[in-house]
Amino acid sequence: MEEALQELRTDQVAIERTFTAVRTALPAVNSAAFDAELVRITHASLSDPAALDDFLTGWWRIATRAAQDSEDWLRMHAEAEQIRSDQCLPGTPPAEILAR
C-alpha cells in the first residue's frame, strides 16, 4: 500500500514522488509555478517539513494527472485562459467549459 502512495501507475507512466521526478514530469505550462512555489517555501524564515510535503504531494498529483492525458490537461489550461481573459468562444458558456 505504501508503494501505491509513492507512485501512480498509468498505462505507460510511473512518476516517483520526489522533487526531481515531479519537476521533470510536469508539462511546461506548470514548470514556472512549481519553481516559484518551491522558492517561496524553501526561502521561508522557518523550515516547515509539512509545507514541503504538502507542496510535493500537490504537484505530484498535478504531474500524474497531466501524464494520464496530456491533451486533456493542455486543453483545460487553454480553456482556463479563455475564461480568465473573458474571451470564451461564442455560444460556450463558462459553466459548460468548467463542467468538462
Protein backbone atom coordinates (compact mmCIF):
# COMPACT_ATOMS: atom_id res chain seq x y z
CA MET A 1 0.00 0.00 0.00
CA GLU A 2 2.84 2.40 0.82
CA GLU A 3 4.23 1.83 -2.65
CA ALA A 4 0.87 2.80 -4.14
CA LEU A 5 1.06 6.10 -2.26
CA GLN A 6 4.53 6.78 -3.63
CA GLU A 7 3.76 6.15 -7.30
CA LEU A 8 0.73 6.40 -9.53
CA ARG A 9 0.96 3.98 -12.40
CA THR A 10 -0.84 4.69 -15.64
CA ASP A 11 -0.68 2.69 -18.85
CA GLN A 12 2.84 3.94 -19.59
CA VAL A 13 3.78 6.35 -16.82
CA ALA A 14 5.06 5.95 -13.28
CA ILE A 15 6.10 9.15 -11.55
CA GLU A 16 8.11 8.85 -8.36
CA ARG A 17 7.11 11.18 -5.55
CA THR A 18 10.41 13.07 -5.50
CA PHE A 19 11.09 16.72 -6.26
CA THR A 20 13.23 15.94 -9.30
CA ALA A 21 10.86 13.36 -10.78
CA VAL A 22 7.80 15.53 -10.30
CA ARG A 23 9.50 18.64 -11.74
CA THR A 24 10.69 16.65 -14.76
CA ALA A 25 7.24 15.16 -15.38
CA LEU A 26 5.36 18.46 -15.27
CA PRO A 27 4.09 19.99 -18.51
CA ALA A 28 5.93 23.18 -19.46
CA VAL A 29 2.85 25.25 -18.65
CA ASN A 30 3.24 24.29 -14.96
CA SER A 31 7.01 24.46 -14.51
CA ALA A 32 7.28 28.14 -13.60
CA ALA A 33 4.56 27.86 -10.95
CA PHE A 34 6.30 24.82 -9.45
CA ASP A 35 9.62 26.67 -9.32
CA ALA A 36 8.12 29.83 -7.84
CA GLU A 37 6.28 27.96 -5.11
CA LEU A 38 9.34 25.89 -4.24
CA VAL A 39 11.45 29.05 -3.91
CA ARG A 40 8.82 30.61 -1.66
CA ILE A 41 8.73 27.58 0.62
CA THR A 42 12.47 26.99 0.77
CA HIS A 43 13.26 30.67 1.42
CA ALA A 44 10.82 30.98 4.32
CA SER A 45 12.32 32.13 7.62
CA LEU A 46 11.37 28.84 9.28
CA SER A 47 11.84 25.43 7.73
CA ASP A 48 8.46 23.67 7.56
CA PRO A 49 8.68 19.99 6.59
CA ALA A 50 4.88 19.73 6.45
CA ALA A 51 4.74 22.57 3.91
CA LEU A 52 7.35 20.81 1.77
CA ASP A 53 5.41 17.55 1.96
CA ASP A 54 2.13 19.30 1.04
CA PHE A 55 3.90 21.05 -1.83
CA LEU A 56 5.35 17.81 -3.20
CA THR A 57 2.09 15.91 -2.80
CA GLY A 58 0.08 18.58 -4.60
CA TRP A 59 2.49 18.85 -7.50
CA TRP A 60 2.86 15.07 -7.74
CA ARG A 61 -0.91 14.86 -8.18
CA ILE A 62 -0.77 17.50 -10.90
CA ALA A 63 2.08 15.71 -12.68
CA THR A 64 0.34 12.33 -12.57
CA ARG A 65 -2.97 13.82 -13.73
CA ALA A 66 -1.27 15.60 -16.61
CA ALA A 67 0.63 12.44 -17.56
CA GLN A 68 -2.56 10.40 -17.76
CA ASP A 69 -3.99 12.55 -20.56
CA SER A 70 -1.68 15.34 -21.67
CA GLU A 71 -4.03 16.56 -24.41
CA ASP A 72 -6.86 16.98 -21.92
CA TRP A 73 -4.51 18.76 -19.49
CA LEU A 74 -3.40 21.25 -22.15
CA ARG A 75 -6.99 21.77 -23.31
CA MET A 76 -8.02 22.50 -19.71
CA HIS A 77 -5.29 25.16 -19.46
CA ALA A 78 -6.33 26.73 -22.77
CA GLU A 79 -9.95 26.87 -21.67
CA ALA A 80 -8.99 28.33 -18.28
CA GLU A 81 -7.01 31.05 -20.04
CA GLN A 82 -10.04 31.83 -22.23
CA ILE A 83 -12.15 32.20 -19.11
CA ARG A 84 -9.55 34.40 -17.39
CA SER A 85 -9.22 36.65 -20.41
CA ASP A 86 -13.00 36.79 -20.84
CA GLN A 87 -12.64 35.52 -24.41
CA CYS A 88 -14.80 32.40 -24.34
CA LEU A 89 -15.97 31.22 -27.70
CA PRO A 90 -19.45 32.49 -28.61
CA GLY A 91 -22.08 30.01 -27.57
CA THR A 92 -19.89 28.25 -24.98
CA PRO A 93 -20.99 29.37 -21.52
CA PRO A 94 -18.26 29.33 -18.86
CA ALA A 95 -20.34 26.90 -16.76
CA GLU A 96 -20.21 24.39 -19.63
CA ILE A 97 -16.46 24.81 -20.01
CA LEU A 98 -15.94 24.34 -16.28
CA ALA A 99 -18.10 21.20 -16.32
CA ARG A 100 -15.80 19.45 -18.82
